[in-house]
Amino acid sequence: MPPSQELIRLWPAAAVRARSGDLELRWMDDELLADVASVAARGVHDPATMPFEHPWTRGTADDVARSVLAYQWHARAEVGPKKLVLELGVLVDGGVVGVQGLVADDWPVLGRVQTGSWLGLEHHGRGIGRRMRALMLHLAFAGLGAREATSGAFADNPSSNAVSRRLGYEPNGSVMVPREGVAALHHNYVMTRDRWTSLAADHAAILGAPIELEGVEPLRAALDA
């Protein structure tokens, strides 16, 4: 069920959607969030690895699902110009596969977003990660008017690093980051607005279908107010 007009008026982020062919990014109501949590509970990565700085994927299936619910319920409140956390469920052919998010601090001043995402393990290796990041970049730059987008991945996460390189991010240094009690090398990437504009044709080819944005203008107006 779509969000009510009153909810959209009070909380514009609730209406945000981005689509390209069979791929959709959508604001998560509780029904969609429960499906997202179930996907995470079935596994997000090889248990022998840890692609996240905060190891939220450790524990039983119910532990992981509850961790997703708790984080997303908290993130819903962080939609404003000082702190923006926009977490969108990722659907392919109407089925939930993961989450694509962005975070921004001091949006009116910096106009900079940091992207982050995860895919259910069963959906790896299908090119979805590349497509959903390209779609989120379009939402950030074309929809919200971002000036810059950053991303990053641990050195031992080849798939995430490959997505950033394939989409044309530029290297932005590497740092050591604590991960499960051990220092781990983390690569950073940056995409300027000019760079994104120059790569529009490449991103369109990756997505493979026209892009539709819905509910983004009211959110942009609220953030820029």
N, C-alpha and C. Protein backbone atom coordinates (compact mmCIF):
# COMPACT_ATOMS: atom_id res chain seq x y z
N MET A 1 0.85 -1.19 0.00
CA MET A 1 0.00 0.00 0.00
C MET A 1 0.89 1.25 0.00
N PRO A 2 0.64 2.19 -0.92
CA PRO A 2 1.45 3.41 -0.95
C PRO A 2 1.22 4.26 0.30
N PRO A 3 2.19 5.10 0.66
CA PRO A 3 2.01 5.96 1.83
C PRO A 3 0.88 6.94 1.63
N SER A 4 0.23 7.34 2.73
CA SER A 4 -0.86 8.29 2.64
C SER A 4 -0.34 9.67 2.27
N GLN A 5 -1.21 10.49 1.71
CA GLN A 5 -0.83 11.85 1.35
C GLN A 5 -0.44 12.67 2.58
N GLU A 6 -1.08 12.39 3.71
CA GLU A 6 -0.73 13.13 4.92
C GLU A 6 0.67 12.77 5.39
N LEU A 7 1.03 11.47 5.31
CA LEU A 7 2.38 11.07 5.67
C LEU A 7 3.40 11.71 4.74
N ILE A 8 3.10 11.71 3.45
CA ILE A 8 4.02 12.30 2.49
C ILE A 8 4.21 13.80 2.76
N ARG A 9 3.11 14.48 3.11
CA ARG A 9 3.20 15.91 3.41
C ARG A 9 4.10 16.17 4.61
N LEU A 10 3.95 15.34 5.64
CA LEU A 10 4.72 15.52 6.86
C LEU A 10 6.14 14.98 6.73
N TRP A 11 6.32 13.92 5.95
CA TRP A 11 7.61 13.23 5.86
C TRP A 11 7.85 12.86 4.39
N PRO A 12 8.32 13.81 3.57
CA PRO A 12 8.43 13.59 2.12
C PRO A 12 9.26 12.37 1.72
N ALA A 13 10.23 11.99 2.54
CA ALA A 13 11.07 10.85 2.17
C ALA A 13 10.26 9.57 1.99
N ALA A 14 9.09 9.51 2.61
CA ALA A 14 8.27 8.29 2.53
C ALA A 14 7.78 8.01 1.12
N ALA A 15 7.82 8.99 0.24
CA ALA A 15 7.33 8.81 -1.13
C ALA A 15 8.45 8.56 -2.13
N VAL A 16 9.70 8.51 -1.68
CA VAL A 16 10.83 8.43 -2.61
C VAL A 16 10.94 7.04 -3.24
N ARG A 17 11.02 7.04 -4.57
CA ARG A 17 11.27 5.82 -5.33
C ARG A 17 12.14 6.17 -6.54
N ALA A 18 12.95 5.21 -6.95
CA ALA A 18 13.71 5.34 -8.19
C ALA A 18 13.60 4.01 -8.92
N ARG A 19 13.34 4.06 -10.23
CA ARG A 19 13.15 2.84 -11.01
C ARG A 19 13.97 2.90 -12.29
N SER A 20 14.42 1.72 -12.71
CA SER A 20 15.04 1.56 -14.02
C SER A 20 14.80 0.11 -14.45
N GLY A 21 13.88 -0.06 -15.36
CA GLY A 21 13.54 -1.42 -15.79
C GLY A 21 12.99 -2.24 -14.64
N ASP A 22 13.59 -3.41 -14.40
CA ASP A 22 13.12 -4.29 -13.33
C ASP A 22 13.67 -3.91 -11.96
N LEU A 23 14.51 -2.88 -11.90
CA LEU A 23 15.17 -2.47 -10.66
C LEU A 23 14.44 -1.30 -10.02
N GLU A 24 14.22 -1.39 -8.72
CA GLU A 24 13.55 -0.31 -7.99
C GLU A 24 14.21 -0.09 -6.64
N LEU A 25 14.39 1.18 -6.28
CA LEU A 25 14.80 1.59 -4.94
C LEU A 25 13.59 2.27 -4.31
N ARG A 26 13.22 1.84 -3.09
CA ARG A 26 11.98 2.34 -2.50
C ARG A 26 12.14 2.55 -1.00
N TRP A 27 11.57 3.67 -0.52
CA TRP A 27 11.49 3.91 0.92
C TRP A 27 10.84 2.70 1.59
N MET A 28 11.35 2.32 2.76
CA MET A 28 10.89 1.11 3.41
C MET A 28 9.84 1.38 4.48
N ASP A 29 8.60 0.97 4.22
CA ASP A 29 7.61 0.92 5.29
C ASP A 29 7.84 -0.38 6.07
N ASP A 30 7.05 -0.63 7.10
CA ASP A 30 7.31 -1.80 7.95
C ASP A 30 7.14 -3.12 7.20
N GLU A 31 6.21 -3.17 6.27
CA GLU A 31 6.01 -4.41 5.51
C GLU A 31 7.22 -4.73 4.65
N LEU A 32 7.72 -3.73 3.93
CA LEU A 32 8.91 -3.94 3.12
C LEU A 32 10.12 -4.20 4.00
N LEU A 33 10.22 -3.50 5.12
CA LEU A 33 11.34 -3.69 6.02
C LEU A 33 11.40 -5.11 6.57
N ALA A 34 10.25 -5.71 6.87
CA ALA A 34 10.24 -7.09 7.34
C ALA A 34 10.80 -8.03 6.28
N ASP A 35 10.48 -7.78 5.01
CA ASP A 35 11.04 -8.59 3.93
C ASP A 35 12.54 -8.38 3.79
N VAL A 36 12.98 -7.13 3.95
CA VAL A 36 14.42 -6.83 3.90
C VAL A 36 15.16 -7.57 5.01
N ALA A 37 14.60 -7.54 6.22
CA ALA A 37 15.22 -8.23 7.34
C ALA A 37 15.32 -9.73 7.09
N SER A 38 14.32 -10.30 6.44
CA SER A 38 14.33 -11.73 6.13
C SER A 38 15.43 -12.07 5.13
N VAL A 39 15.65 -11.19 4.14
CA VAL A 39 16.73 -11.40 3.18
C VAL A 39 18.08 -11.40 3.90
N ALA A 40 18.28 -10.42 4.79
CA ALA A 40 19.54 -10.35 5.54
C ALA A 40 19.73 -11.58 6.42
N ALA A 41 18.66 -12.07 7.02
CA ALA A 41 18.75 -13.22 7.91
C ALA A 41 19.22 -14.47 7.18
N ARG A 42 18.99 -14.53 5.87
CA ARG A 42 19.42 -15.70 5.09
C ARG A 42 20.88 -15.61 4.68
N GLY A 43 21.53 -14.48 4.99
CA GLY A 43 22.95 -14.33 4.69
C GLY A 43 23.24 -13.20 3.75
N VAL A 44 24.31 -12.46 4.05
CA VAL A 44 24.70 -11.31 3.25
C VAL A 44 26.08 -11.51 2.63
N HIS A 45 26.90 -12.32 3.26
CA HIS A 45 28.26 -12.56 2.77
C HIS A 45 28.77 -13.88 3.32
N ASP A 46 29.88 -14.34 2.79
CA ASP A 46 30.56 -15.52 3.29
C ASP A 46 30.90 -15.29 4.77
N PRO A 47 30.50 -16.18 5.68
CA PRO A 47 30.79 -15.97 7.11
C PRO A 47 32.28 -15.85 7.43
N ALA A 48 33.13 -16.31 6.54
CA ALA A 48 34.57 -16.21 6.78
C ALA A 48 35.11 -14.81 6.51
N THR A 49 34.28 -13.93 5.96
CA THR A 49 34.69 -12.56 5.66
C THR A 49 33.84 -11.58 6.47
N MET A 50 34.24 -10.30 6.45
CA MET A 50 33.44 -9.25 7.08
C MET A 50 33.62 -7.96 6.27
N PRO A 51 32.64 -7.64 5.40
CA PRO A 51 32.77 -6.44 4.57
C PRO A 51 32.35 -5.15 5.26
N PHE A 52 31.87 -5.23 6.51
CA PHE A 52 31.35 -4.04 7.20
C PHE A 52 32.20 -3.68 8.40
N GLU A 53 32.32 -2.36 8.64
CA GLU A 53 33.06 -1.90 9.81
C GLU A 53 32.36 -2.31 11.09
N HIS A 54 31.04 -2.19 11.11
CA HIS A 54 30.25 -2.68 12.24
C HIS A 54 29.71 -4.07 11.87
N PRO A 55 30.08 -5.11 12.58
CA PRO A 55 29.74 -6.49 12.19
C PRO A 55 28.29 -6.88 12.50
N TRP A 56 27.34 -6.19 11.87
CA TRP A 56 25.93 -6.41 12.18
C TRP A 56 25.42 -7.74 11.64
N THR A 57 26.19 -8.39 10.79
CA THR A 57 25.76 -9.66 10.21
C THR A 57 26.17 -10.87 11.05
N ARG A 58 26.80 -10.66 12.19
CA ARG A 58 27.17 -11.77 13.06
C ARG A 58 25.97 -12.15 13.95
N GLY A 59 25.89 -13.43 14.29
CA GLY A 59 24.83 -13.90 15.17
C GLY A 59 23.88 -14.83 14.45
N THR A 60 22.81 -15.19 15.14
CA THR A 60 21.80 -16.06 14.55
C THR A 60 21.01 -15.29 13.49
N ALA A 61 20.20 -16.02 12.73
CA ALA A 61 19.36 -15.38 11.73
C ALA A 61 18.44 -14.33 12.36
N ASP A 62 17.88 -14.67 13.52
CA ASP A 62 17.01 -13.70 14.20
C ASP A 62 17.79 -12.50 14.70
N ASP A 63 19.04 -12.72 15.16
CA ASP A 63 19.88 -11.60 15.60
C ASP A 63 20.09 -10.62 14.45
N VAL A 64 20.41 -11.16 13.28
CA VAL A 64 20.67 -10.31 12.11
C VAL A 64 19.40 -9.56 11.70
N ALA A 65 18.29 -10.27 11.67
CA ALA A 65 17.02 -9.62 11.28
C ALA A 65 16.67 -8.50 12.24
N ARG A 66 16.82 -8.73 13.54
CA ARG A 66 16.50 -7.69 14.52
C ARG A 66 17.47 -6.51 14.41
N SER A 67 18.73 -6.79 14.08
CA SER A 67 19.70 -5.72 13.89
C SER A 67 19.29 -4.82 12.72
N VAL A 68 18.79 -5.44 11.64
CA VAL A 68 18.32 -4.66 10.50
C VAL A 68 17.13 -3.80 10.90
N LEU A 69 16.17 -4.39 11.60
CA LEU A 69 14.99 -3.64 12.02
C LEU A 69 15.38 -2.46 12.90
N ALA A 70 16.24 -2.70 13.89
CA ALA A 70 16.62 -1.64 14.82
C ALA A 70 17.33 -0.50 14.11
N TYR A 71 18.27 -0.85 13.22
CA TYR A 71 19.00 0.20 12.50
C TYR A 71 18.06 1.00 11.61
N GLN A 72 17.20 0.32 10.87
CA GLN A 72 16.34 1.03 9.93
C GLN A 72 15.30 1.88 10.64
N TRP A 73 14.76 1.41 11.76
CA TRP A 73 13.82 2.24 12.51
C TRP A 73 14.49 3.51 13.01
N HIS A 74 15.75 3.39 13.43
CA HIS A 74 16.49 4.58 13.88
C HIS A 74 16.78 5.50 12.69
N ALA A 75 17.17 4.91 11.56
CA ALA A 75 17.56 5.71 10.40
C ALA A 75 16.40 6.52 9.85
N ARG A 76 15.18 6.04 9.99
CA ARG A 76 14.03 6.76 9.47
C ARG A 76 13.93 8.19 9.99
N ALA A 77 14.37 8.38 11.22
CA ALA A 77 14.26 9.70 11.84
C ALA A 77 15.33 10.67 11.36
N GLU A 78 16.36 10.15 10.70
CA GLU A 78 17.51 10.98 10.31
C GLU A 78 17.34 11.47 8.87
N VAL A 79 16.33 12.26 8.64
CA VAL A 79 16.09 12.80 7.30
C VAL A 79 15.90 14.31 7.43
N GLY A 80 17.02 15.03 7.38
CA GLY A 80 16.98 16.47 7.52
C GLY A 80 18.24 17.08 6.97
N PRO A 81 18.31 18.40 6.88
CA PRO A 81 19.48 19.05 6.29
C PRO A 81 20.77 18.86 7.08
N LYS A 82 20.68 18.75 8.42
CA LYS A 82 21.90 18.56 9.21
C LYS A 82 22.40 17.13 9.13
N LYS A 83 21.48 16.17 9.10
CA LYS A 83 21.83 14.76 9.01
C LYS A 83 20.81 14.06 8.14
N LEU A 84 21.26 13.53 7.02
CA LEU A 84 20.39 12.81 6.11
C LEU A 84 20.83 11.36 6.02
N VAL A 85 19.94 10.46 6.35
CA VAL A 85 20.17 9.03 6.15
C VAL A 85 18.99 8.52 5.34
N LEU A 86 19.22 8.21 4.09
CA LEU A 86 18.16 7.76 3.19
C LEU A 86 18.43 6.30 2.83
N GLU A 87 17.70 5.40 3.47
CA GLU A 87 17.86 3.96 3.26
C GLU A 87 16.69 3.45 2.42
N LEU A 88 17.00 2.87 1.27
CA LEU A 88 15.96 2.41 0.35
C LEU A 88 16.07 0.91 0.12
N GLY A 89 14.94 0.24 0.17
CA GLY A 89 14.92 -1.17 -0.17
C GLY A 89 15.18 -1.35 -1.66
N VAL A 90 15.89 -2.41 -2.01
CA VAL A 90 16.19 -2.72 -3.41
C VAL A 90 15.33 -3.90 -3.84
N LEU A 91 14.58 -3.70 -4.92
CA LEU A 91 13.72 -4.75 -5.45
C LEU A 91 14.09 -5.01 -6.91
N VAL A 92 14.07 -6.28 -7.30
CA VAL A 92 14.26 -6.69 -8.69
C VAL A 92 13.07 -7.55 -9.07
N ASP A 93 12.37 -7.14 -10.11
CA ASP A 93 11.13 -7.84 -10.51
C ASP A 93 10.16 -7.95 -9.34
N GLY A 94 10.14 -6.93 -8.47
CA GLY A 94 9.22 -6.91 -7.35
C GLY A 94 9.66 -7.68 -6.14
N GLY A 95 10.78 -8.39 -6.22
CA GLY A 95 11.29 -9.15 -5.08
C GLY A 95 12.42 -8.43 -4.38
N VAL A 96 12.43 -8.47 -3.06
CA VAL A 96 13.44 -7.76 -2.28
C VAL A 96 14.79 -8.48 -2.37
N VAL A 97 15.86 -7.70 -2.60
CA VAL A 97 17.20 -8.29 -2.71
C VAL A 97 18.21 -7.65 -1.77
N GLY A 98 17.93 -6.45 -1.22
CA GLY A 98 18.90 -5.79 -0.35
C GLY A 98 18.54 -4.37 -0.05
N VAL A 99 19.55 -3.57 0.28
CA VAL A 99 19.36 -2.16 0.67
C VAL A 99 20.43 -1.31 0.01
N GLN A 100 20.03 -0.16 -0.48
CA GLN A 100 20.96 0.85 -0.98
C GLN A 100 20.69 2.15 -0.23
N GLY A 101 21.72 2.71 0.39
CA GLY A 101 21.51 3.91 1.18
C GLY A 101 22.50 5.01 0.85
N LEU A 102 22.20 6.19 1.37
CA LEU A 102 23.16 7.29 1.33
C LEU A 102 23.05 8.07 2.63
N VAL A 103 24.16 8.68 3.00
CA VAL A 103 24.26 9.49 4.21
C VAL A 103 24.88 10.83 3.85
N ALA A 104 24.39 11.90 4.44
CA ALA A 104 24.96 13.22 4.21
C ALA A 104 24.91 14.02 5.49
N ASP A 105 25.98 14.75 5.78
CA ASP A 105 26.04 15.68 6.91
C ASP A 105 26.08 17.10 6.37
N ASP A 106 25.38 18.02 7.07
CA ASP A 106 25.37 19.43 6.68
C ASP A 106 25.09 19.59 5.19
N TRP A 107 24.00 18.99 4.74
CA TRP A 107 23.66 18.95 3.32
C TRP A 107 23.66 20.31 2.64
N PRO A 108 23.04 21.36 3.18
CA PRO A 108 23.00 22.63 2.46
C PRO A 108 24.40 23.23 2.24
N VAL A 109 25.33 22.90 3.12
CA VAL A 109 26.68 23.46 3.02
C VAL A 109 27.56 22.62 2.11
N LEU A 110 27.55 21.30 2.30
CA LEU A 110 28.50 20.43 1.62
C LEU A 110 27.92 19.78 0.36
N GLY A 111 26.67 19.42 0.36
CA GLY A 111 26.09 18.72 -0.79
C GLY A 111 26.80 17.43 -1.12
N ARG A 112 27.33 16.77 -0.11
CA ARG A 112 28.12 15.55 -0.32
C ARG A 112 27.39 14.35 0.30
N VAL A 113 27.30 13.26 -0.44
CA VAL A 113 26.68 12.05 0.07
C VAL A 113 27.71 10.92 0.10
N GLN A 114 27.49 10.00 1.01
CA GLN A 114 28.28 8.77 1.06
C GLN A 114 27.32 7.61 0.86
N THR A 115 27.61 6.75 -0.10
CA THR A 115 26.73 5.63 -0.38
C THR A 115 27.19 4.38 0.35
N GLY A 116 26.22 3.52 0.65
CA GLY A 116 26.51 2.23 1.27
C GLY A 116 25.40 1.26 0.90
N SER A 117 25.70 -0.02 0.87
CA SER A 117 24.68 -0.97 0.42
C SER A 117 25.03 -2.38 0.88
N TRP A 118 24.03 -3.26 0.75
CA TRP A 118 24.28 -4.69 0.89
C TRP A 118 23.25 -5.45 0.07
N LEU A 119 23.64 -6.64 -0.34
CA LEU A 119 22.79 -7.54 -1.11
C LEU A 119 22.71 -8.88 -0.40
N GLY A 120 21.54 -9.50 -0.41
CA GLY A 120 21.43 -10.86 0.09
C GLY A 120 22.38 -11.78 -0.68
N LEU A 121 23.01 -12.69 0.03
CA LEU A 121 24.02 -13.56 -0.59
C LEU A 121 23.48 -14.29 -1.80
N GLU A 122 22.23 -14.66 -1.76
CA GLU A 122 21.62 -15.40 -2.87
C GLU A 122 21.51 -14.57 -4.14
N HIS A 123 21.71 -13.25 -4.03
CA HIS A 123 21.58 -12.36 -5.19
C HIS A 123 22.93 -11.84 -5.68
N HIS A 124 24.02 -12.32 -5.12
CA HIS A 124 25.34 -11.88 -5.57
C HIS A 124 25.64 -12.43 -6.97
N GLY A 125 26.54 -11.74 -7.66
CA GLY A 125 27.02 -12.23 -8.93
C GLY A 125 26.10 -12.02 -10.11
N ARG A 126 25.09 -11.14 -9.97
CA ARG A 126 24.14 -10.90 -11.05
C ARG A 126 24.22 -9.46 -11.58
N GLY A 127 25.20 -8.70 -11.12
CA GLY A 127 25.35 -7.32 -11.56
C GLY A 127 24.39 -6.34 -10.91
N ILE A 128 23.65 -6.80 -9.89
CA ILE A 128 22.68 -5.93 -9.25
C ILE A 128 23.36 -4.81 -8.47
N GLY A 129 24.46 -5.13 -7.79
CA GLY A 129 25.16 -4.12 -6.99
C GLY A 129 25.60 -2.92 -7.82
N ARG A 130 26.08 -3.19 -9.01
CA ARG A 130 26.50 -2.10 -9.90
C ARG A 130 25.31 -1.27 -10.33
N ARG A 131 24.22 -1.91 -10.68
CA ARG A 131 23.04 -1.20 -11.17
C ARG A 131 22.40 -0.37 -10.06
N MET A 132 22.29 -0.92 -8.87
CA MET A 132 21.61 -0.17 -7.81
C MET A 132 22.44 1.02 -7.35
N ARG A 133 23.77 0.91 -7.41
CA ARG A 133 24.61 2.07 -7.08
C ARG A 133 24.46 3.14 -8.15
N ALA A 134 24.44 2.73 -9.43
CA ALA A 134 24.27 3.71 -10.51
C ALA A 134 22.93 4.43 -10.37
N LEU A 135 21.89 3.70 -9.98
CA LEU A 135 20.58 4.32 -9.81
C LEU A 135 20.58 5.28 -8.62
N MET A 136 21.24 4.91 -7.54
CA MET A 136 21.32 5.81 -6.39
C MET A 136 22.13 7.05 -6.72
N LEU A 137 23.18 6.91 -7.51
CA LEU A 137 23.94 8.09 -7.92
C LEU A 137 23.07 9.04 -8.74
N HIS A 138 22.22 8.50 -9.58
CA HIS A 138 21.30 9.36 -10.35
C HIS A 138 20.35 10.07 -9.40
N LEU A 139 19.83 9.36 -8.43
CA LEU A 139 18.93 9.99 -7.46
C LEU A 139 19.65 11.10 -6.70
N ALA A 140 20.90 10.85 -6.32
CA ALA A 140 21.66 11.83 -5.55
C ALA A 140 22.00 13.08 -6.38
N PHE A 141 22.53 12.86 -7.58
CA PHE A 141 22.97 14.00 -8.39
C PHE A 141 21.82 14.67 -9.14
N ALA A 142 21.05 13.90 -9.90
CA ALA A 142 19.97 14.48 -10.70
C ALA A 142 18.77 14.82 -9.84
N GLY A 143 18.48 13.98 -8.85
CA GLY A 143 17.29 14.18 -8.03
C GLY A 143 17.49 15.19 -6.91
N LEU A 144 18.52 14.98 -6.10
CA LEU A 144 18.73 15.83 -4.92
C LEU A 144 19.70 16.99 -5.17
N GLY A 145 20.45 16.93 -6.28
CA GLY A 145 21.37 18.02 -6.57
C GLY A 145 22.70 17.93 -5.84
N ALA A 146 23.16 16.70 -5.56
CA ALA A 146 24.44 16.52 -4.86
C ALA A 146 25.60 17.10 -5.65
N ARG A 147 26.62 17.55 -4.93
CA ARG A 147 27.84 18.06 -5.56
C ARG A 147 28.92 16.98 -5.64
N GLU A 148 28.84 16.00 -4.74
CA GLU A 148 29.89 14.99 -4.66
C GLU A 148 29.34 13.74 -3.99
N ALA A 149 29.83 12.58 -4.42
CA ALA A 149 29.46 11.32 -3.78
C ALA A 149 30.73 10.55 -3.45
N THR A 150 30.75 9.96 -2.27
CA THR A 150 31.89 9.15 -1.86
C THR A 150 31.43 7.74 -1.55
N SER A 151 32.38 6.83 -1.57
CA SER A 151 32.10 5.45 -1.20
C SER A 151 33.40 4.84 -0.73
N GLY A 152 33.33 3.62 -0.26
CA GLY A 152 34.54 2.96 0.22
C GLY A 152 34.30 1.49 0.45
N ALA A 153 35.39 0.74 0.55
CA ALA A 153 35.29 -0.70 0.79
C ALA A 153 36.62 -1.20 1.34
N PHE A 154 36.55 -2.23 2.16
CA PHE A 154 37.78 -2.86 2.63
C PHE A 154 38.53 -3.47 1.46
N ALA A 155 39.85 -3.49 1.58
CA ALA A 155 40.70 -3.99 0.50
C ALA A 155 40.39 -5.44 0.15
N ASP A 156 39.89 -6.20 1.13
CA ASP A 156 39.60 -7.62 0.87
C ASP A 156 38.15 -7.84 0.46
N ASN A 157 37.49 -6.79 -0.03
CA ASN A 157 36.13 -6.90 -0.56
C ASN A 157 36.20 -6.55 -2.06
N PRO A 158 36.66 -7.48 -2.88
CA PRO A 158 36.90 -7.16 -4.30
C PRO A 158 35.66 -6.74 -5.06
N SER A 159 34.51 -7.31 -4.75
CA SER A 159 33.31 -6.98 -5.52
C SER A 159 32.89 -5.53 -5.32
N SER A 160 32.92 -5.04 -4.08
CA SER A 160 32.53 -3.65 -3.82
C SER A 160 33.53 -2.68 -4.45
N ASN A 161 34.82 -2.98 -4.33
CA ASN A 161 35.83 -2.14 -4.97
C ASN A 161 35.64 -2.12 -6.48
N ALA A 162 35.28 -3.26 -7.05
CA ALA A 162 35.09 -3.34 -8.50
C ALA A 162 33.90 -2.51 -8.94
N VAL A 163 32.83 -2.47 -8.15
CA VAL A 163 31.67 -1.65 -8.49
C VAL A 163 32.08 -0.17 -8.56
N SER A 164 32.82 0.30 -7.56
CA SER A 164 33.25 1.71 -7.56
C SER A 164 34.10 2.02 -8.78
N ARG A 165 35.04 1.13 -9.10
CA ARG A 165 35.89 1.37 -10.26
C ARG A 165 35.08 1.33 -11.56
N ARG A 166 34.18 0.37 -11.67
CA ARG A 166 33.39 0.22 -12.91
C ARG A 166 32.50 1.44 -13.13
N LEU A 167 32.00 2.05 -12.07
CA LEU A 167 31.14 3.22 -12.20
C LEU A 167 31.92 4.52 -12.39
N GLY A 168 33.25 4.45 -12.31
CA GLY A 168 34.06 5.62 -12.62
C GLY A 168 34.45 6.48 -11.44
N TYR A 169 34.23 5.99 -10.21
CA TYR A 169 34.75 6.71 -9.06
C TYR A 169 36.27 6.85 -9.19
N GLU A 170 36.80 7.89 -8.60
CA GLU A 170 38.25 8.08 -8.58
C GLU A 170 38.78 7.70 -7.20
N PRO A 171 39.96 7.07 -7.13
CA PRO A 171 40.56 6.72 -5.84
C PRO A 171 40.75 7.97 -4.98
N ASN A 172 40.50 7.83 -3.67
CA ASN A 172 40.58 8.97 -2.76
C ASN A 172 41.33 8.59 -1.48
N GLY A 173 42.37 7.80 -1.65
CA GLY A 173 43.20 7.43 -0.51
C GLY A 173 42.72 6.17 0.19
N SER A 174 43.57 5.64 1.05
CA SER A 174 43.27 4.44 1.83
C SER A 174 43.67 4.69 3.27
N VAL A 175 42.94 4.08 4.19
CA VAL A 175 43.21 4.24 5.61
C VAL A 175 43.06 2.89 6.30
N MET A 176 43.65 2.79 7.48
CA MET A 176 43.45 1.61 8.31
C MET A 176 42.25 1.86 9.22
N VAL A 177 41.35 0.90 9.25
CA VAL A 177 40.10 1.02 10.00
C VAL A 177 39.96 -0.19 10.92
N PRO A 178 39.53 0.01 12.18
CA PRO A 178 39.33 -1.15 13.06
C PRO A 178 38.15 -1.99 12.59
N ARG A 179 38.36 -3.29 12.53
CA ARG A 179 37.31 -4.22 12.12
C ARG A 179 37.43 -5.49 12.96
N GLU A 180 36.44 -5.71 13.79
CA GLU A 180 36.43 -6.87 14.68
C GLU A 180 37.75 -7.01 15.46
N GLY A 181 38.23 -5.86 15.96
CA GLY A 181 39.40 -5.84 16.81
C GLY A 181 40.74 -5.87 16.10
N VAL A 182 40.72 -5.77 14.77
CA VAL A 182 41.96 -5.82 13.98
C VAL A 182 41.96 -4.67 12.98
N ALA A 183 43.13 -4.06 12.75
CA ALA A 183 43.23 -2.99 11.76
C ALA A 183 43.13 -3.59 10.35
N ALA A 184 42.29 -2.99 9.51
CA ALA A 184 42.09 -3.48 8.15
C ALA A 184 42.16 -2.32 7.17
N LEU A 185 42.75 -2.57 6.01
CA LEU A 185 42.92 -1.53 5.01
C LEU A 185 41.59 -1.25 4.30
N HIS A 186 41.25 0.04 4.22
CA HIS A 186 39.98 0.47 3.64
C HIS A 186 40.26 1.48 2.53
N HIS A 187 39.76 1.21 1.32
CA HIS A 187 39.95 2.10 0.18
C HIS A 187 38.78 3.07 0.07
N ASN A 188 39.07 4.33 -0.21
CA ASN A 188 38.05 5.36 -0.37
C ASN A 188 37.98 5.82 -1.83
N TYR A 189 36.77 6.22 -2.25
CA TYR A 189 36.53 6.65 -3.62
C TYR A 189 35.67 7.91 -3.62
N VAL A 190 35.80 8.70 -4.70
CA VAL A 190 35.02 9.93 -4.81
C VAL A 190 34.52 10.11 -6.24
N MET A 191 33.31 10.66 -6.36
CA MET A 191 32.70 10.98 -7.65
C MET A 191 32.19 12.42 -7.58
N THR A 192 32.80 13.31 -8.36
CA THR A 192 32.31 14.68 -8.40
C THR A 192 31.10 14.77 -9.34
N ARG A 193 30.38 15.86 -9.22
CA ARG A 193 29.23 16.05 -10.11
C ARG A 193 29.67 16.10 -11.57
N ASP A 194 30.76 16.80 -11.86
CA ASP A 194 31.25 16.88 -13.24
C ASP A 194 31.64 15.49 -13.75
N ARG A 195 32.26 14.71 -12.90
CA ARG A 195 32.66 13.35 -13.29
C ARG A 195 31.41 12.52 -13.59
N TRP A 196 30.42 12.61 -12.71
CA TRP A 196 29.18 11.85 -12.91
C TRP A 196 28.51 12.26 -14.22
N THR A 197 28.47 13.55 -14.50
CA THR A 197 27.85 14.03 -15.74
C THR A 197 28.58 13.47 -16.96
N SER A 198 29.90 13.42 -16.89
CA SER A 198 30.69 12.93 -18.03
C SER A 198 30.49 11.44 -18.27
N LEU A 199 30.03 10.73 -17.23
CA LEU A 199 29.86 9.27 -17.33
C LEU A 199 28.41 8.87 -17.52
N ALA A 200 27.54 9.84 -17.82
CA ALA A 200 26.11 9.55 -17.91
C ALA A 200 25.80 8.44 -18.90
N ALA A 201 26.45 8.44 -20.04
CA ALA A 201 26.18 7.41 -21.05
C ALA A 201 26.60 6.03 -20.55
N ASP A 202 27.73 5.96 -19.86
CA ASP A 202 28.19 4.67 -19.31
C ASP A 202 27.21 4.15 -18.28
N HIS A 203 26.72 5.02 -17.40
CA HIS A 203 25.78 4.60 -16.37
C HIS A 203 24.45 4.18 -16.98
N ALA A 204 24.02 4.89 -18.02
CA ALA A 204 22.78 4.52 -18.69
C ALA A 204 22.90 3.12 -19.30
N ALA A 205 24.08 2.81 -19.85
CA ALA A 205 24.30 1.48 -20.42
C ALA A 205 24.28 0.41 -19.34
N ILE A 206 24.83 0.73 -18.17
CA ILE A 206 24.83 -0.22 -17.06
C ILE A 206 23.41 -0.49 -16.59
N LEU A 207 22.59 0.55 -16.49
CA LEU A 207 21.22 0.39 -16.04
C LEU A 207 20.36 -0.29 -17.10
N GLY A 208 20.57 0.06 -18.34
CA GLY A 208 19.90 -0.63 -19.43
C GLY A 208 18.44 -0.28 -19.64
N ALA A 209 17.92 0.72 -18.94
CA ALA A 209 16.53 1.13 -19.10
C ALA A 209 16.40 2.56 -18.61
N PRO A 210 15.39 3.30 -19.09
CA PRO A 210 15.18 4.67 -18.63
C PRO A 210 14.97 4.74 -17.12
N ILE A 211 15.32 5.88 -16.55
CA ILE A 211 15.21 6.09 -15.10
C ILE A 211 13.98 6.93 -14.79
N GLU A 212 13.26 6.52 -13.77
CA GLU A 212 12.11 7.29 -13.28
C GLU A 212 12.35 7.59 -11.80
N LEU A 213 12.21 8.85 -11.42
CA LEU A 213 12.28 9.25 -10.03
C LEU A 213 10.89 9.69 -9.58
N GLU A 214 10.53 9.31 -8.37
CA GLU A 214 9.21 9.65 -7.83
C GLU A 214 9.37 10.16 -6.41
N GLY A 215 8.71 11.27 -6.09
CA GLY A 215 8.70 11.79 -4.74
C GLY A 215 9.99 12.45 -4.30
N VAL A 216 10.88 12.75 -5.24
CA VAL A 216 12.19 13.29 -4.87
C VAL A 216 12.14 14.81 -4.69
N GLU A 217 11.37 15.50 -5.52
CA GLU A 217 11.34 16.96 -5.44
C GLU A 217 10.89 17.48 -4.08
N PRO A 218 9.82 16.93 -3.47
CA PRO A 218 9.44 17.41 -2.13
C PRO A 218 10.53 17.17 -1.09
N LEU A 219 11.24 16.05 -1.20
CA LEU A 219 12.34 15.80 -0.27
C LEU A 219 13.46 16.81 -0.49
N ARG A 220 13.79 17.09 -1.75
CA ARG A 220 14.84 18.06 -2.02
C ARG A 220 14.47 19.43 -1.48
N ALA A 221 13.22 19.82 -1.65
CA ALA A 221 12.77 21.10 -1.12
C ALA A 221 12.89 21.16 0.39
N ALA A 222 12.57 20.07 1.06
CA ALA A 222 12.67 20.03 2.53
C ALA A 222 14.12 20.10 2.98
N LEU A 223 15.02 19.47 2.25
CA LEU A 223 16.44 19.47 2.62
C LEU A 223 17.10 20.82 2.35
N ASP A 224 16.64 21.50 1.32
CA ASP A 224 17.24 22.77 0.92
C ASP A 224 16.61 23.97 1.61
N ALA A 225 15.53 23.72 2.35
CA ALA A 225 14.81 24.84 2.99
C ALA A 225 15.67 25.53 4.04
